[in-house]
Amino acid sequence: MPVQNVSSTLSSVSFRVFRGSIFASRSEAGCFILPLDFRLPSPASVMMECMSDVATFIREWTPTIAVFATGAWVLVNSIKEERSRRETDIPAMDGTLSVGVIRLDAEKSIVAINAIWRNRGTVPIRMMTRDTRIEIFAVAPDIECGALTSATNLGEPVAVHTPYADHETFLFEPRTRSELQCHVVLKNKSVYLVRWNLLLDIDHPQVHPWHNIREITCDLRQGPA
């Protein structure tokens, strides 16, 4: 209950003093209650309160921000290292060839060409199946002495075989050994140079595609031992 009732009108605002407070109203719909000792806060106190809020925010959110920043830094660096590794990594493919002969008759033989390919690297390597090919060159008896290479003095191949053209993909996994084989029919009484040209789809900025070539001779002048 009010202990003192004082009415005055100033700019259509009425004030009534109650115990410990001033009741100020502009209308019946709205009112403000202010304490008798009400004072506007000083700029210094406002600044201190803002600084306190900022300090509280920093103290509470710094660990979370640090975790996100560390994760972003690790992600960016891992992407950069992976890109750098792909640009500098050279495929470590190694392979050997061997041949086996089965005589059909006096004129022809079946030659089994065996290849062992080893991916000694740390990343998988994809074979370009439609372009990988085996070329077979006949070595003439009157060939001149010197280096024997399929690219210089043997002319056109007598046979070209693409054994994996029907395969959609072929992948050499890291640290694995793959044994591949194909068969061709050749005429007897000749010596042949077999050239296996393995084309690899390497994600490398300077080399694409990557050729891995192995060669071996096959003597069909005599029957198989």
Protein backbone atom coordinates (compact mmCIF):
# COMPACT_ATOMS: atom_id res chain seq x y z
CA MET A 1 0.00 0.00 0.00
CA PRO A 2 1.26 3.52 -0.66
CA VAL A 3 2.48 5.54 2.30
CA GLN A 4 2.46 8.78 0.38
CA ASN A 5 0.33 9.84 -2.52
CA VAL A 6 1.58 12.81 -4.49
CA SER A 7 0.05 13.72 -7.84
CA SER A 8 1.42 16.08 -10.39
CA THR A 9 1.07 16.46 -14.08
CA LEU A 10 4.03 17.28 -16.31
CA SER A 11 3.74 16.82 -20.06
CA SER A 12 0.83 14.42 -19.59
CA VAL A 13 2.94 12.15 -17.35
CA SER A 14 1.71 11.43 -13.84
CA PHE A 15 4.02 10.34 -11.01
CA ARG A 16 3.05 8.56 -7.81
CA VAL A 17 5.54 7.81 -5.07
CA PHE A 18 5.33 4.42 -3.41
CA ARG A 19 7.46 2.78 -0.75
CA GLY A 20 10.98 2.59 -2.15
CA SER A 21 10.02 3.41 -5.75
CA ILE A 22 8.52 5.94 -8.09
CA PHE A 23 5.64 4.81 -10.23
CA ALA A 24 5.59 6.75 -13.52
CA SER A 25 2.91 6.15 -16.08
CA ARG A 26 2.02 7.72 -19.41
CA SER A 27 -1.18 5.77 -19.79
CA GLU A 28 -3.06 2.92 -18.33
CA ALA A 29 -1.43 0.59 -20.88
CA GLY A 30 2.23 1.18 -20.04
CA CYS A 31 4.31 2.02 -16.98
CA PHE A 32 7.92 2.12 -15.72
CA ILE A 33 9.04 1.35 -12.21
CA LEU A 34 12.30 3.02 -11.20
CA PRO A 35 14.02 2.75 -7.80
CA LEU A 36 14.30 5.97 -5.75
CA ASP A 37 18.11 5.75 -5.85
CA PHE A 38 18.17 5.14 -9.64
CA ARG A 39 21.34 6.39 -11.32
CA LEU A 40 22.53 6.03 -14.90
CA PRO A 41 25.62 3.79 -15.11
CA SER A 42 28.89 5.57 -15.74
CA PRO A 43 30.81 4.97 -19.01
CA ALA A 44 33.65 3.36 -17.04
CA SER A 45 31.34 0.79 -15.47
CA VAL A 46 29.76 0.03 -18.84
CA MET A 47 33.21 -0.47 -20.34
CA MET A 48 34.27 -2.75 -17.49
CA GLU A 49 31.13 -4.84 -17.87
CA CYS A 50 31.72 -5.18 -21.63
CA MET A 51 35.33 -6.18 -21.05
CA SER A 52 34.20 -8.74 -18.51
CA ASP A 53 31.73 -10.21 -21.01
CA VAL A 54 34.43 -10.39 -23.67
CA ALA A 55 36.84 -12.07 -21.27
CA THR A 56 34.17 -14.62 -20.32
CA PHE A 57 33.46 -15.33 -23.99
CA ILE A 58 37.15 -15.83 -24.75
CA ARG A 59 37.64 -18.08 -21.72
CA GLU A 60 34.68 -20.27 -22.60
CA TRP A 61 35.19 -20.53 -26.39
CA THR A 62 38.99 -20.58 -26.72
CA PRO A 63 39.29 -24.41 -26.36
CA THR A 64 36.62 -25.00 -29.01
CA ILE A 65 38.16 -22.50 -31.41
CA ALA A 66 41.59 -24.06 -30.85
CA VAL A 67 40.26 -27.54 -31.67
CA PHE A 68 38.66 -26.35 -34.91
CA ALA A 69 41.77 -24.37 -35.89
CA THR A 70 44.03 -27.36 -35.25
CA GLY A 71 41.77 -29.65 -37.30
CA ALA A 72 41.69 -27.19 -40.19
CA TRP A 73 45.48 -26.85 -40.10
CA VAL A 74 45.98 -30.63 -40.14
CA LEU A 75 43.50 -31.03 -43.04
CA VAL A 76 45.11 -28.31 -45.16
CA ASN A 77 48.61 -29.69 -44.59
CA SER A 78 47.57 -33.26 -45.38
CA ILE A 79 46.00 -32.10 -48.66
CA LYS A 80 49.16 -30.18 -49.56
CA GLU A 81 51.39 -33.16 -48.72
CA GLU A 82 49.23 -35.55 -50.73
CA ARG A 83 49.29 -33.22 -53.74
CA SER A 84 53.06 -32.81 -53.45
CA ARG A 85 53.54 -36.56 -53.14
CA ARG A 86 51.44 -37.23 -56.25
CA GLU A 87 53.45 -34.69 -58.20
CA THR A 88 56.82 -36.15 -57.20
CA ASP A 89 56.06 -39.84 -56.79
CA ILE A 90 57.39 -42.03 -59.62
CA PRO A 91 55.79 -45.44 -60.12
CA ALA A 92 57.99 -48.32 -59.01
CA MET A 93 56.94 -51.05 -61.46
CA ASP A 94 59.25 -53.95 -62.15
CA GLY A 95 58.66 -56.86 -64.49
CA THR A 96 60.17 -59.98 -66.05
CA LEU A 97 59.17 -62.02 -69.10
CA SER A 98 59.46 -65.69 -69.95
CA VAL A 99 58.16 -67.82 -72.82
CA GLY A 100 56.95 -71.37 -73.17
CA VAL A 101 56.57 -73.21 -76.49
CA ILE A 102 54.19 -75.99 -77.52
CA ARG A 103 54.80 -77.35 -81.01
CA LEU A 104 51.64 -77.87 -83.05
CA ASP A 105 53.19 -79.29 -86.20
CA ALA A 106 56.16 -78.75 -88.41
CA GLU A 107 54.94 -75.29 -89.39
CA LYS A 108 53.45 -73.68 -86.26
CA SER A 109 53.86 -73.49 -82.52
CA ILE A 110 51.91 -71.98 -79.63
CA VAL A 111 53.98 -69.54 -77.63
CA ALA A 112 52.91 -68.73 -74.07
CA ILE A 113 54.20 -65.32 -73.00
CA ASN A 114 54.40 -64.99 -69.24
CA ALA A 115 54.90 -61.69 -67.43
CA ILE A 116 55.42 -61.02 -63.75
CA TRP A 117 54.76 -57.39 -62.81
CA ARG A 118 55.61 -56.11 -59.33
CA ASN A 119 54.30 -52.85 -57.94
CA ARG A 120 57.02 -51.96 -55.45
CA GLY A 121 55.54 -48.53 -54.75
CA THR A 122 53.07 -47.34 -52.15
CA VAL A 123 50.16 -46.35 -54.41
CA PRO A 124 47.94 -48.44 -56.70
CA ILE A 125 48.65 -48.20 -60.43
CA ARG A 126 46.00 -48.63 -63.11
CA MET A 127 46.77 -50.40 -66.38
CA MET A 128 45.55 -48.78 -69.59
CA THR A 129 43.97 -52.01 -70.80
CA ARG A 130 43.07 -50.89 -74.31
CA ASP A 131 46.56 -49.59 -75.07
CA THR A 132 48.74 -52.22 -73.40
CA ARG A 133 50.02 -54.43 -76.20
CA ILE A 134 52.42 -57.23 -77.09
CA GLU A 135 54.40 -56.83 -80.29
CA ILE A 136 56.28 -59.72 -81.88
CA PHE A 137 59.08 -59.07 -84.36
CA ALA A 138 60.79 -61.61 -86.61
CA VAL A 139 64.59 -61.50 -86.48
CA ALA A 140 66.01 -62.06 -89.95
CA PRO A 141 69.04 -64.39 -90.22
CA ASP A 142 71.01 -61.76 -92.15
CA ILE A 143 70.50 -58.98 -89.63
CA GLU A 144 73.57 -56.84 -89.09
CA CYS A 145 75.61 -57.18 -85.95
CA GLY A 146 74.99 -54.64 -83.22
CA ALA A 147 72.26 -53.72 -80.77
CA LEU A 148 69.03 -55.64 -81.23
CA THR A 149 66.04 -53.48 -80.42
CA SER A 150 62.46 -53.54 -81.60
CA ALA A 151 62.51 -49.80 -82.25
CA THR A 152 65.43 -49.65 -84.69
CA ASN A 153 66.21 -52.53 -87.02
CA LEU A 154 63.40 -55.08 -86.93
CA GLY A 155 60.79 -53.35 -89.07
CA GLU A 156 57.07 -53.86 -88.53
CA PRO A 157 55.86 -56.51 -86.05
CA VAL A 158 54.57 -59.77 -87.47
CA ALA A 159 51.91 -59.89 -84.76
CA VAL A 160 50.32 -57.42 -82.33
CA HIS A 161 48.21 -58.61 -79.44
CA THR A 162 46.17 -56.54 -76.95
CA PRO A 163 45.25 -59.23 -74.41
CA TYR A 164 43.40 -56.95 -71.98
CA ALA A 165 41.43 -54.73 -74.37
CA ASP A 166 38.17 -56.34 -73.20
CA HIS A 167 38.87 -55.51 -69.56
CA GLU A 168 37.33 -52.33 -68.22
CA THR A 169 40.11 -51.87 -65.68
CA PHE A 170 43.11 -53.62 -64.17
CA LEU A 171 44.74 -52.38 -61.00
CA PHE A 172 48.20 -53.19 -59.63
CA GLU A 173 47.89 -52.88 -55.87
CA PRO A 174 50.88 -51.63 -53.83
CA ARG A 175 53.46 -54.23 -52.75
CA THR A 176 51.90 -56.95 -54.90
CA ARG A 177 53.05 -59.33 -57.63
CA SER A 178 50.81 -59.92 -60.66
CA GLU A 179 51.35 -62.83 -63.05
CA LEU A 180 49.91 -62.24 -66.53
CA GLN A 181 49.91 -64.54 -69.52
CA CYS A 182 48.86 -64.54 -73.15
CA HIS A 183 49.24 -66.96 -76.08
CA VAL A 184 50.08 -66.47 -79.75
CA VAL A 185 50.59 -68.84 -82.68
CA LEU A 186 53.82 -68.31 -84.63
CA LYS A 187 55.56 -69.96 -87.55
CA ASN A 188 58.46 -72.24 -86.80
CA LYS A 189 62.01 -71.96 -88.17
CA SER A 190 62.40 -68.33 -87.02
CA VAL A 191 63.68 -66.32 -84.10
CA TYR A 192 61.36 -63.72 -82.60
CA LEU A 193 61.72 -60.75 -80.32
CA VAL A 194 58.74 -60.37 -78.01
CA ARG A 195 58.07 -56.86 -76.71
CA TRP A 196 55.54 -56.29 -73.92
CA ASN A 197 54.54 -52.62 -73.70
CA LEU A 198 52.67 -52.06 -70.45
CA LEU A 199 50.97 -48.65 -70.39
CA LEU A 200 50.05 -47.26 -66.99
CA ASP A 201 47.61 -44.51 -66.13
CA ILE A 202 49.84 -42.49 -63.80
CA ASP A 203 48.60 -39.32 -62.13
CA HIS A 204 51.84 -37.48 -62.83
CA PRO A 205 52.14 -33.91 -64.21
CA GLN A 206 55.11 -34.71 -66.46
CA VAL A 207 54.63 -38.32 -67.61
CA HIS A 208 51.38 -39.71 -69.05
CA PRO A 209 50.97 -42.43 -70.00
CA TRP A 210 53.80 -44.31 -68.34
CA HIS A 211 55.44 -46.96 -70.55
CA ASN A 212 56.97 -50.02 -68.92
CA ILE A 213 58.62 -52.16 -71.59
CA ARG A 214 60.14 -55.62 -71.36
CA GLU A 215 61.60 -57.71 -74.20
CA ILE A 216 62.62 -61.34 -74.62
CA THR A 217 63.68 -63.57 -77.54
CA CYS A 218 61.92 -66.77 -78.60
CA ASP A 219 63.70 -69.36 -80.78
CA LEU A 220 61.41 -71.55 -82.91
CA ARG A 221 64.10 -72.85 -85.29
CA GLN A 222 64.15 -76.09 -83.37
CA GLY A 223 61.36 -77.95 -81.68
CA PRO A 224 60.78 -77.41 -77.95
CA ALA A 225 63.24 -79.19 -75.72
